[in-house]
């Protein structure tokens, strides 16, 4: 599985939920973003320091606690970089509102400098540019972030599985519709880098994912 030339992608995963947090770096400029902020942000901080990456933004595929718990520590380390999130989940970041009524604990502090991730509008961070695809269902503002041949799918699509849709604000039909119209329409060789688990490809999931 080969990334588009000029991109470096590396993941860290926390031990509690095996939630992936990704560093995406332009190898020429060293501009970078962090995608999702798992429960062990020190791993990502160490990776950024080791590579000398210039983090320009923190992008969120969605705002479940295991994807946002590290935000405060990342902001402390990287400065007042923008946090980018879909408008449907913006208040989780700007007001510390919990995403799920099922999980009362773990609300975030309120953050400023929050950018919208709008489907159909590219999101630029330094020399990096992402296409934003709305893939809701697991959560209302779930997005997939595409750059080159890499698709960061959050908790929409996994290797051999799909996201949960049994929460009060989940929607199983929307989840499948988003996967079919936004993800399975991508080329077979495009990489799926999900919120949990290993890398796969669109072709692999199209042909063997039992949930699709």
Foldseek 3Di string as FASTA:
>chain_A
DDFDPQWDKDWDADDPARFIWIWIARNVPLEIEIEFAAPCNVVVVVVCVVVVHQYQEYEYLAPALRRCVRVVVVCVRNPQHEYEFAPVRLCQAQPQDHQAPVDPPDGDHHHPRYHYQDAPDWDDGVPFIWHWAQQFQLARGGIWTDGGLETEREQLDDQQEGHDRPTPRGHNVSSVVSCVPPPLVGDQARWYRYRHDDIDGSVNCVVHRPVD
